[in-house]
Full PDB file with SEQRES, HELIX, SHEET, SSBOND, CRYST1, ORIGX, SCALE, CONECT and MASTER records, all heavy atoms in Angstrom:
SEQRES   1 A   34  ALA GLY TYR PRO PRO GLU ASP HIS LEU ASP LYS ALA ASP          
SEQRES   2 A   34  LEU ALA ALA ALA ASN TRP ALA TRP GLY ASN ASP ARG PRO          
SEQRES   3 A   34  ALA GLY ARG GLY SER ASP THR LEU                              
HELIX    1 AA1 LYS A   11  ASN A   23  1                                  13    
CRYST1    1.000    1.000    1.000  90.00  90.00  90.00 P 1           1          
ORIGX1      1.000000  0.000000  0.000000        0.00000                         
ORIGX2      0.000000  1.000000  0.000000        0.00000                         
ORIGX3      0.000000  0.000000  1.000000        0.00000                         
SCALE1      1.000000  0.000000  0.000000        0.00000                         
SCALE2      0.000000  1.000000  0.000000        0.00000                         
SCALE3      0.000000  0.000000  1.000000        0.00000                         
ATOM      1  N   ALA A   1     -25.994   2.475-168.216  1.00  0.00           N  
ATOM      2  CA  ALA A   1     -27.074   3.421-168.087  1.00  0.00           C  
ATOM      3  C   ALA A   1     -26.608   4.586-167.393  1.00  0.00           C  
ATOM      4  O   ALA A   1     -25.578   4.617-166.682  1.00  0.00           O  
ATOM      5  CB  ALA A   1     -28.253   2.744-167.275  1.00  0.00           C  
ATOM      6  N   GLY A   2     -27.286   5.732-167.531  1.00  0.00           N  
ATOM      7  CA  GLY A   2     -26.942   6.969-166.846  1.00  0.00           C  
ATOM      8  C   GLY A   2     -28.110   7.944-166.849  1.00  0.00           C  
ATOM      9  O   GLY A   2     -28.990   7.849-167.687  1.00  0.00           O  
ATOM     10  N   TYR A   3     -28.099   8.800-165.875  1.00  0.00           N  
ATOM     11  CA  TYR A   3     -29.015   9.884-165.845  1.00  0.00           C  
ATOM     12  C   TYR A   3     -28.307  11.116-165.401  1.00  0.00           C  
ATOM     13  O   TYR A   3     -27.767  11.150-164.236  1.00  0.00           O  
ATOM     14  CB  TYR A   3     -30.234   9.593-164.981  1.00  0.00           C  
ATOM     15  CG  TYR A   3     -31.287  10.683-165.170  1.00  0.00           C  
ATOM     16  CD1 TYR A   3     -32.114  10.572-166.214  1.00  0.00           C  
ATOM     17  CD2 TYR A   3     -31.312  11.815-164.389  1.00  0.00           C  
ATOM     18  CE1 TYR A   3     -33.123  11.544-166.423  1.00  0.00           C  
ATOM     19  CE2 TYR A   3     -32.226  12.802-164.577  1.00  0.00           C  
ATOM     20  CZ  TYR A   3     -33.142  12.671-165.641  1.00  0.00           C  
ATOM     21  OH  TYR A   3     -34.029  13.645-165.855  1.00  0.00           O  
ATOM     22  N   PRO A   4     -28.270  12.162-166.165  1.00  0.00           N  
ATOM     23  CA  PRO A   4     -28.686  12.199-167.598  1.00  0.00           C  
ATOM     24  C   PRO A   4     -27.858  11.210-168.374  1.00  0.00           C  
ATOM     25  O   PRO A   4     -26.761  10.856-167.983  1.00  0.00           O  
ATOM     26  CB  PRO A   4     -28.485  13.622-168.025  1.00  0.00           C  
ATOM     27  CG  PRO A   4     -27.589  14.257-167.042  1.00  0.00           C  
ATOM     28  CD  PRO A   4     -27.674  13.440-165.747  1.00  0.00           C  
ATOM     29  N   PRO A   5     -28.326  10.752-169.559  1.00  0.00           N  
ATOM     30  CA  PRO A   5     -27.618   9.776-170.331  1.00  0.00           C  
ATOM     31  C   PRO A   5     -26.161  10.144-170.599  1.00  0.00           C  
ATOM     32  O   PRO A   5     -25.896  11.337-170.905  1.00  0.00           O  
ATOM     33  CB  PRO A   5     -28.420   9.664-171.630  1.00  0.00           C  
ATOM     34  CG  PRO A   5     -29.744  10.112-171.252  1.00  0.00           C  
ATOM     35  CD  PRO A   5     -29.585  11.178-170.193  1.00  0.00           C  
ATOM     36  N   GLU A   6     -25.291   9.216-170.364  1.00  0.00           N  
ATOM     37  CA  GLU A   6     -23.835   9.441-170.615  1.00  0.00           C  
ATOM     38  C   GLU A   6     -23.261   8.098-170.941  1.00  0.00           C  
ATOM     39  O   GLU A   6     -23.623   7.060-170.322  1.00  0.00           O  
ATOM     40  CB  GLU A   6     -23.257  10.023-169.322  1.00  0.00           C  
ATOM     41  CG  GLU A   6     -21.806  10.550-169.523  1.00  0.00           C  
ATOM     42  CD  GLU A   6     -21.406  11.295-168.314  1.00  0.00           C  
ATOM     43  OE1 GLU A   6     -22.205  11.833-167.517  1.00  0.00           O  
ATOM     44  OE2 GLU A   6     -20.170  11.430-168.102  1.00  0.00           O  
ATOM     45  N   ASP A   7     -22.337   8.057-171.898  1.00  0.00           N  
ATOM     46  CA  ASP A   7     -21.846   6.721-172.280  1.00  0.00           C  
ATOM     47  C   ASP A   7     -20.265   6.695-172.355  1.00  0.00           C  
ATOM     48  O   ASP A   7     -19.731   5.784-172.911  1.00  0.00           O  
ATOM     49  CB  ASP A   7     -22.369   6.336-173.596  1.00  0.00           C  
ATOM     50  CG  ASP A   7     -22.062   7.248-174.757  1.00  0.00           C  
ATOM     51  OD1 ASP A   7     -21.408   8.288-174.555  1.00  0.00           O  
ATOM     52  OD2 ASP A   7     -22.399   6.925-175.906  1.00  0.00           O  
ATOM     53  N   HIS A   8     -19.622   7.734-171.830  1.00  0.00           N  
ATOM     54  CA  HIS A   8     -18.150   7.688-171.889  1.00  0.00           C  
ATOM     55  C   HIS A   8     -17.554   8.192-170.600  1.00  0.00           C  
ATOM     56  O   HIS A   8     -18.050   9.165-169.951  1.00  0.00           O  
ATOM     57  CB  HIS A   8     -17.691   8.690-173.041  1.00  0.00           C  
ATOM     58  CG  HIS A   8     -16.204   8.660-173.103  1.00  0.00           C  
ATOM     59  ND1 HIS A   8     -15.435   7.698-173.626  1.00  0.00           N  
ATOM     60  CD2 HIS A   8     -15.332   9.721-172.768  1.00  0.00           C  
ATOM     61  CE1 HIS A   8     -14.146   8.064-173.527  1.00  0.00           C  
ATOM     62  NE2 HIS A   8     -14.133   9.243-173.094  1.00  0.00           N  
ATOM     63  N   LEU A   9     -16.479   7.570-170.186  1.00  0.00           N  
ATOM     64  CA  LEU A   9     -15.714   7.949-168.986  1.00  0.00           C  
ATOM     65  C   LEU A   9     -14.262   8.181-169.443  1.00  0.00           C  
ATOM     66  O   LEU A   9     -13.734   7.413-170.239  1.00  0.00           O  
ATOM     67  CB  LEU A   9     -15.760   6.848-167.918  1.00  0.00           C  
ATOM     68  CG  LEU A   9     -17.101   6.503-167.297  1.00  0.00           C  
ATOM     69  CD1 LEU A   9     -16.975   5.360-166.339  1.00  0.00           C  
ATOM     70  CD2 LEU A   9     -17.710   7.710-166.668  1.00  0.00           C  
ATOM     71  N   ASP A  10     -13.600   9.243-168.836  1.00  0.00           N  
ATOM     72  CA  ASP A  10     -12.227   9.365-169.227  1.00  0.00           C  
ATOM     73  C   ASP A  10     -11.369   8.467-168.489  1.00  0.00           C  
ATOM     74  O   ASP A  10     -11.815   7.638-167.675  1.00  0.00           O  
ATOM     75  CB  ASP A  10     -11.815  10.854-168.970  1.00  0.00           C  
ATOM     76  CG  ASP A  10     -11.886  11.288-167.556  1.00  0.00           C  
ATOM     77  OD1 ASP A  10     -11.822  10.403-166.627  1.00  0.00           O  
ATOM     78  OD2 ASP A  10     -11.982  12.520-167.307  1.00  0.00           O  
ATOM     79  N   LYS A  11     -10.023   8.452-168.797  1.00  0.00           N  
ATOM     80  CA  LYS A  11      -9.108   7.477-168.196  1.00  0.00           C  
ATOM     81  C   LYS A  11      -9.080   7.556-166.644  1.00  0.00           C  
ATOM     82  O   LYS A  11      -9.015   6.463-166.000  1.00  0.00           O  
ATOM     83  CB  LYS A  11      -7.733   7.605-168.780  1.00  0.00           C  
ATOM     84  CG  LYS A  11      -7.562   7.180-170.161  1.00  0.00           C  
ATOM     85  CD  LYS A  11      -6.128   7.332-170.678  1.00  0.00           C  
ATOM     86  CE  LYS A  11      -6.144   6.914-172.181  1.00  0.00           C  
ATOM     87  NZ  LYS A  11      -4.675   6.931-172.634  1.00  0.00           N  
ATOM     88  N   ALA A  12      -9.091   8.704-166.066  1.00  0.00           N  
ATOM     89  CA  ALA A  12      -8.978   8.839-164.618  1.00  0.00           C  
ATOM     90  C   ALA A  12     -10.286   8.247-163.954  1.00  0.00           C  
ATOM     91  O   ALA A  12     -10.192   7.584-162.931  1.00  0.00           O  
ATOM     92  CB  ALA A  12      -8.836  10.371-164.203  1.00  0.00           C  
ATOM     93  N   ASP A  13     -11.418   8.539-164.576  1.00  0.00           N  
ATOM     94  CA  ASP A  13     -12.679   7.930-164.057  1.00  0.00           C  
ATOM     95  C   ASP A  13     -12.722   6.466-164.202  1.00  0.00           C  
ATOM     96  O   ASP A  13     -13.113   5.752-163.269  1.00  0.00           O  
ATOM     97  CB  ASP A  13     -13.869   8.579-164.757  1.00  0.00           C  
ATOM     98  CG  ASP A  13     -14.174  10.013-164.211  1.00  0.00           C  
ATOM     99  OD1 ASP A  13     -13.726  10.349-163.104  1.00  0.00           O  
ATOM    100  OD2 ASP A  13     -14.884  10.712-164.910  1.00  0.00           O  
ATOM    101  N   LEU A  14     -12.287   5.958-165.335  1.00  0.00           N  
ATOM    102  CA  LEU A  14     -12.300   4.485-165.494  1.00  0.00           C  
ATOM    103  C   LEU A  14     -11.377   3.860-164.548  1.00  0.00           C  
ATOM    104  O   LEU A  14     -11.626   2.783-164.020  1.00  0.00           O  
ATOM    105  CB  LEU A  14     -11.915   4.208-166.958  1.00  0.00           C  
ATOM    106  CG  LEU A  14     -12.264   2.834-167.459  1.00  0.00           C  
ATOM    107  CD1 LEU A  14     -13.777   2.463-167.128  1.00  0.00           C  
ATOM    108  CD2 LEU A  14     -12.055   2.633-168.917  1.00  0.00           C  
ATOM    109  N   ALA A  15     -10.181   4.416-164.295  1.00  0.00           N  
ATOM    110  CA  ALA A  15      -9.244   3.880-163.309  1.00  0.00           C  
ATOM    111  C   ALA A  15      -9.859   3.843-161.939  1.00  0.00           C  
ATOM    112  O   ALA A  15      -9.746   2.839-161.193  1.00  0.00           O  
ATOM    113  CB  ALA A  15      -7.973   4.668-163.293  1.00  0.00           C  
ATOM    114  N   ALA A  16     -10.512   4.871-161.590  1.00  0.00           N  
ATOM    115  CA  ALA A  16     -11.245   4.977-160.256  1.00  0.00           C  
ATOM    116  C   ALA A  16     -12.327   3.899-160.154  1.00  0.00           C  
ATOM    117  O   ALA A  16     -12.466   3.246-159.151  1.00  0.00           O  
ATOM    118  CB  ALA A  16     -11.775   6.304-159.980  1.00  0.00           C  
ATOM    119  N   ALA A  17     -13.099   3.772-161.273  1.00  0.00           N  
ATOM    120  CA  ALA A  17     -14.145   2.752-161.268  1.00  0.00           C  
ATOM    121  C   ALA A  17     -13.595   1.330-161.137  1.00  0.00           C  
ATOM    122  O   ALA A  17     -14.099   0.543-160.293  1.00  0.00           O  
ATOM    123  CB  ALA A  17     -14.947   2.875-162.576  1.00  0.00           C  
ATOM    124  N   ASN A  18     -12.533   1.033-161.858  1.00  0.00           N  
ATOM    125  CA  ASN A  18     -11.895  -0.287-161.740  1.00  0.00           C  
ATOM    126  C   ASN A  18     -11.326  -0.483-160.384  1.00  0.00           C  
ATOM    127  O   ASN A  18     -11.418  -1.614-159.820  1.00  0.00           O  
ATOM    128  CB  ASN A  18     -10.857  -0.445-162.852  1.00  0.00           C  
ATOM    129  CG  ASN A  18     -11.537  -0.751-164.189  1.00  0.00           C  
ATOM    130  OD1 ASN A  18     -12.219  -1.810-164.271  1.00  0.00           O  
ATOM    131  ND2 ASN A  18     -11.321   0.081-165.139  1.00  0.00           N  
ATOM    132  N   TRP A  19     -10.653   0.473-159.760  1.00  0.00           N  
ATOM    133  CA  TRP A  19     -10.107   0.344-158.424  1.00  0.00           C  
ATOM    134  C   TRP A  19     -11.241   0.049-157.463  1.00  0.00           C  
ATOM    135  O   TRP A  19     -11.176  -0.866-156.579  1.00  0.00           O  
ATOM    136  CB  TRP A  19      -9.296   1.573-158.004  1.00  0.00           C  
ATOM    137  CG  TRP A  19      -8.563   1.266-156.741  1.00  0.00           C  
ATOM    138  CD1 TRP A  19      -7.219   0.803-156.656  1.00  0.00           C  
ATOM    139  CD2 TRP A  19      -9.005   1.396-155.381  1.00  0.00           C  
ATOM    140  NE1 TRP A  19      -6.900   0.630-155.339  1.00  0.00           N  
ATOM    141  CE2 TRP A  19      -7.959   0.964-154.526  1.00  0.00           C  
ATOM    142  CE3 TRP A  19     -10.222   1.778-154.832  1.00  0.00           C  
ATOM    143  CZ2 TRP A  19      -8.082   0.935-153.153  1.00  0.00           C  
ATOM    144  CZ3 TRP A  19     -10.365   1.746-153.431  1.00  0.00           C  
ATOM    145  CH2 TRP A  19      -9.274   1.369-152.599  1.00  0.00           C  
ATOM    146  N   ALA A  20     -12.325   0.822-157.514  1.00  0.00           N  
ATOM    147  CA  ALA A  20     -13.450   0.663-156.617  1.00  0.00           C  
ATOM    148  C   ALA A  20     -14.010  -0.734-156.781  1.00  0.00           C  
ATOM    149  O   ALA A  20     -14.343  -1.414-155.793  1.00  0.00           O  
ATOM    150  CB  ALA A  20     -14.508   1.745-156.799  1.00  0.00           C  
ATOM    151  N   TRP A  21     -14.064  -1.175-157.984  1.00  0.00           N  
ATOM    152  CA  TRP A  21     -14.623  -2.493-158.347  1.00  0.00           C  
ATOM    153  C   TRP A  21     -13.761  -3.617-157.736  1.00  0.00           C  
ATOM    154  O   TRP A  21     -14.280  -4.506-157.057  1.00  0.00           O  
ATOM    155  CB  TRP A  21     -14.709  -2.661-159.822  1.00  0.00           C  
ATOM    156  CG  TRP A  21     -14.956  -4.035-160.286  1.00  0.00           C  
ATOM    157  CD1 TRP A  21     -14.079  -4.850-160.861  1.00  0.00           C  
ATOM    158  CD2 TRP A  21     -16.181  -4.799-160.206  1.00  0.00           C  
ATOM    159  NE1 TRP A  21     -14.671  -6.073-161.168  1.00  0.00           N  
ATOM    160  CE2 TRP A  21     -15.920  -6.035-160.761  1.00  0.00           C  
ATOM    161  CE3 TRP A  21     -17.368  -4.478-159.656  1.00  0.00           C  
ATOM    162  CZ2 TRP A  21     -16.831  -6.986-160.829  1.00  0.00           C  
ATOM    163  CZ3 TRP A  21     -18.387  -5.456-159.703  1.00  0.00           C  
ATOM    164  CH2 TRP A  21     -18.090  -6.698-160.260  1.00  0.00           C  
ATOM    165  N   GLY A  22     -12.479  -3.488-157.910  1.00  0.00           N  
ATOM    166  CA  GLY A  22     -11.537  -4.498-157.428  1.00  0.00           C  
ATOM    167  C   GLY A  22     -11.396  -4.534-155.946  1.00  0.00           C  
ATOM    168  O   GLY A  22     -10.987  -5.544-155.418  1.00  0.00           O  
ATOM    169  N   ASN A  23     -11.570  -3.400-155.283  1.00  0.00           N  
ATOM    170  CA  ASN A  23     -11.313  -3.326-153.907  1.00  0.00           C  
ATOM    171  C   ASN A  23     -12.546  -3.184-153.009  1.00  0.00           C  
ATOM    172  O   ASN A  23     -12.455  -3.036-151.739  1.00  0.00           O  
ATOM    173  CB  ASN A  23     -10.327  -2.095-153.586  1.00  0.00           C  
ATOM    174  CG  ASN A  23      -8.969  -2.411-154.189  1.00  0.00           C  
ATOM    175  OD1 ASN A  23      -8.169  -3.147-153.650  1.00  0.00           O  
ATOM    176  ND2 ASN A  23      -8.732  -1.839-155.395  1.00  0.00           N  
ATOM    177  N   ASP A  24     -13.656  -3.078-153.648  1.00  0.00           N  
ATOM    178  CA  ASP A  24     -14.943  -2.979-152.916  1.00  0.00           C  
ATOM    179  C   ASP A  24     -14.958  -1.772-151.971  1.00  0.00           C  
ATOM    180  O   ASP A  24     -15.427  -1.899-150.879  1.00  0.00           O  
ATOM    181  CB  ASP A  24     -15.303  -4.255-152.206  1.00  0.00           C  
ATOM    182  CG  ASP A  24     -16.795  -4.316-151.816  1.00  0.00           C  
ATOM    183  OD1 ASP A  24     -17.573  -3.678-152.465  1.00  0.00           O  
ATOM    184  OD2 ASP A  24     -17.119  -5.035-150.825  1.00  0.00           O  
ATOM    185  N   ARG A  25     -14.433  -0.679-152.446  1.00  0.00           N  
ATOM    186  CA  ARG A  25     -14.379   0.585-151.614  1.00  0.00           C  
ATOM    187  C   ARG A  25     -14.566   1.749-152.554  1.00  0.00           C  
ATOM    188  O   ARG A  25     -14.235   1.687-153.742  1.00  0.00           O  
ATOM    189  CB  ARG A  25     -13.025   0.678-150.888  1.00  0.00           C  
ATOM    190  CG  ARG A  25     -12.858  -0.404-149.804  1.00  0.00           C  
ATOM    191  CD  ARG A  25     -11.581  -0.211-149.007  1.00  0.00           C  
ATOM    192  NE  ARG A  25     -11.246   1.130-148.660  1.00  0.00           N  
ATOM    193  CZ  ARG A  25     -10.029   1.653-148.636  1.00  0.00           C  
ATOM    194  NH1 ARG A  25      -8.992   0.878-149.026  1.00  0.00           N  
ATOM    195  NH2 ARG A  25      -9.849   2.883-148.256  1.00  0.00           N  
ATOM    196  N   PRO A  26     -15.056   2.902-152.056  1.00  0.00           N  
ATOM    197  CA  PRO A  26     -15.235   4.076-152.844  1.00  0.00           C  
ATOM    198  C   PRO A  26     -13.845   4.559-153.424  1.00  0.00           C  
ATOM    199  O   PRO A  26     -12.793   4.389-152.762  1.00  0.00           O  
ATOM    200  CB  PRO A  26     -15.797   5.097-151.896  1.00  0.00           C  
ATOM    201  CG  PRO A  26     -16.372   4.314-150.824  1.00  0.00           C  
ATOM    202  CD  PRO A  26     -15.632   3.074-150.692  1.00  0.00           C  
ATOM    203  N   ALA A  27     -13.896   5.075-154.613  1.00  0.00           N  
ATOM    204  CA  ALA A  27     -12.683   5.652-155.170  1.00  0.00           C  
ATOM    205  C   ALA A  27     -13.142   6.820-156.110  1.00  0.00           C  
ATOM    206  O   ALA A  27     -14.220   6.878-156.565  1.00  0.00           O  
ATOM    207  CB  ALA A  27     -11.935   4.610-155.976  1.00  0.00           C  
ATOM    208  N   GLY A  28     -12.200   7.754-156.290  1.00  0.00           N  
ATOM    209  CA  GLY A  28     -12.430   8.918-157.106  1.00  0.00           C  
ATOM    210  C   GLY A  28     -12.647  10.171-156.342  1.00  0.00           C  
ATOM    211  O   GLY A  28     -12.182  10.295-155.168  1.00  0.00           O  
ATOM    212  N   ARG A  29     -13.204  11.162-156.916  1.00  0.00           N  
ATOM    213  CA  ARG A  29     -13.290  12.468-156.336  1.00  0.00           C  
ATOM    214  C   ARG A  29     -13.992  12.438-154.941  1.00  0.00           C  
ATOM    215  O   ARG A  29     -15.019  11.802-154.768  1.00  0.00           O  
ATOM    216  CB  ARG A  29     -14.173  13.354-157.275  1.00  0.00           C  
ATOM    217  CG  ARG A  29     -14.184  14.772-156.869  1.00  0.00           C  
ATOM    218  CD  ARG A  29     -14.883  15.619-157.890  1.00  0.00           C  
ATOM    219  NE  ARG A  29     -14.824  16.997-157.528  1.00  0.00           N  
ATOM    220  CZ  ARG A  29     -15.005  17.994-158.319  1.00  0.00           C  
ATOM    221  NH1 ARG A  29     -15.304  17.731-159.601  1.00  0.00           N  
ATOM    222  NH2 ARG A  29     -14.990  19.215-157.927  1.00  0.00           N  
ATOM    223  N   GLY A  30     -13.385  13.149-153.987  1.00  0.00           N  
ATOM    224  CA  GLY A  30     -13.909  13.173-152.684  1.00  0.00           C  
ATOM    225  C   GLY A  30     -13.483  12.019-151.827  1.00  0.00           C  
ATOM    226  O   GLY A  30     -13.758  11.979-150.621  1.00  0.00           O  
ATOM    227  N   SER A  31     -12.767  11.015-152.368  1.00  0.00           N  
ATOM    228  CA  SER A  31     -12.304   9.888-151.548  1.00  0.00           C  
ATOM    229  C   SER A  31     -10.779   9.933-151.349  1.00  0.00           C  
ATOM    230  O   SER A  31     -10.137  10.935-151.911  1.00  0.00           O  
ATOM    231  CB  SER A  31     -12.642   8.580-152.305  1.00  0.00           C  
ATOM    232  OG  SER A  31     -11.757   8.419-153.423  1.00  0.00           O  
ATOM    233  N   ASP A  32     -10.250   9.071-150.639  1.00  0.00           N  
ATOM    234  CA  ASP A  32      -8.776   9.015-150.433  1.00  0.00           C  
ATOM    235  C   ASP A  32      -8.030   8.339-151.532  1.00  0.00           C  
ATOM    236  O   ASP A  32      -6.821   8.361-151.615  1.00  0.00           O  
ATOM    237  CB  ASP A  32      -8.444   8.295-149.108  1.00  0.00           C  
ATOM    238  CG  ASP A  32      -8.935   9.048-147.890  1.00  0.00           C  
ATOM    239  OD1 ASP A  32      -9.050  10.326-147.974  1.00  0.00           O  
ATOM    240  OD2 ASP A  32      -9.228   8.453-146.824  1.00  0.00           O  
ATOM    241  N   THR A  33      -8.795   7.615-152.417  1.00  0.00           N  
ATOM    242  CA  THR A  33      -8.086   6.874-153.480  1.00  0.00           C  
ATOM    243  C   THR A  33      -8.518   7.451-154.858  1.00  0.00           C  
ATOM    244  O   THR A  33      -9.653   7.656-155.116  1.00  0.00           O  
ATOM    245  CB  THR A  33      -8.638   5.397-153.413  1.00  0.00           C  
ATOM    246  OG1 THR A  33      -8.387   4.879-152.140  1.00  0.00           O  
ATOM    247  CG2 THR A  33      -7.955   4.502-154.492  1.00  0.00           C  
ATOM    248  N   LEU A  34      -7.476   7.788-155.631  1.00  0.00           N  
ATOM    249  CA  LEU A  34      -7.620   8.365-156.986  1.00  0.00           C  
ATOM    250  C   LEU A  34      -8.542   9.603-156.933  1.00  0.00           C  
ATOM    251  O   LEU A  34      -9.480   9.692-157.754  1.00  0.00           O  
ATOM    252  CB  LEU A  34      -8.125   7.386-157.908  1.00  0.00           C  
ATOM    253  CG  LEU A  34      -7.150   6.107-158.080  1.00  0.00           C  
ATOM    254  CD1 LEU A  34      -7.864   5.001-158.847  1.00  0.00           C  
ATOM    255  CD2 LEU A  34      -5.858   6.504-158.686  1.00  0.00           C  
TER     256      LEU A  34                                                      
MASTER        0    0    0    1    0    0    0    6  255    1    0    3          
END                                                                             
C-alpha cells in the first residue's frame, strides 16, 4: 500500500528496506545506513 499510491521501489530503496527489515533499525536517506 502507499499514499499516494506507489508500487515500485528502485534497487537502492529495496536494499535499504531489506537492511532495515533484517536489522530492525532505520536505513536509507537521512540515516547512517545506505
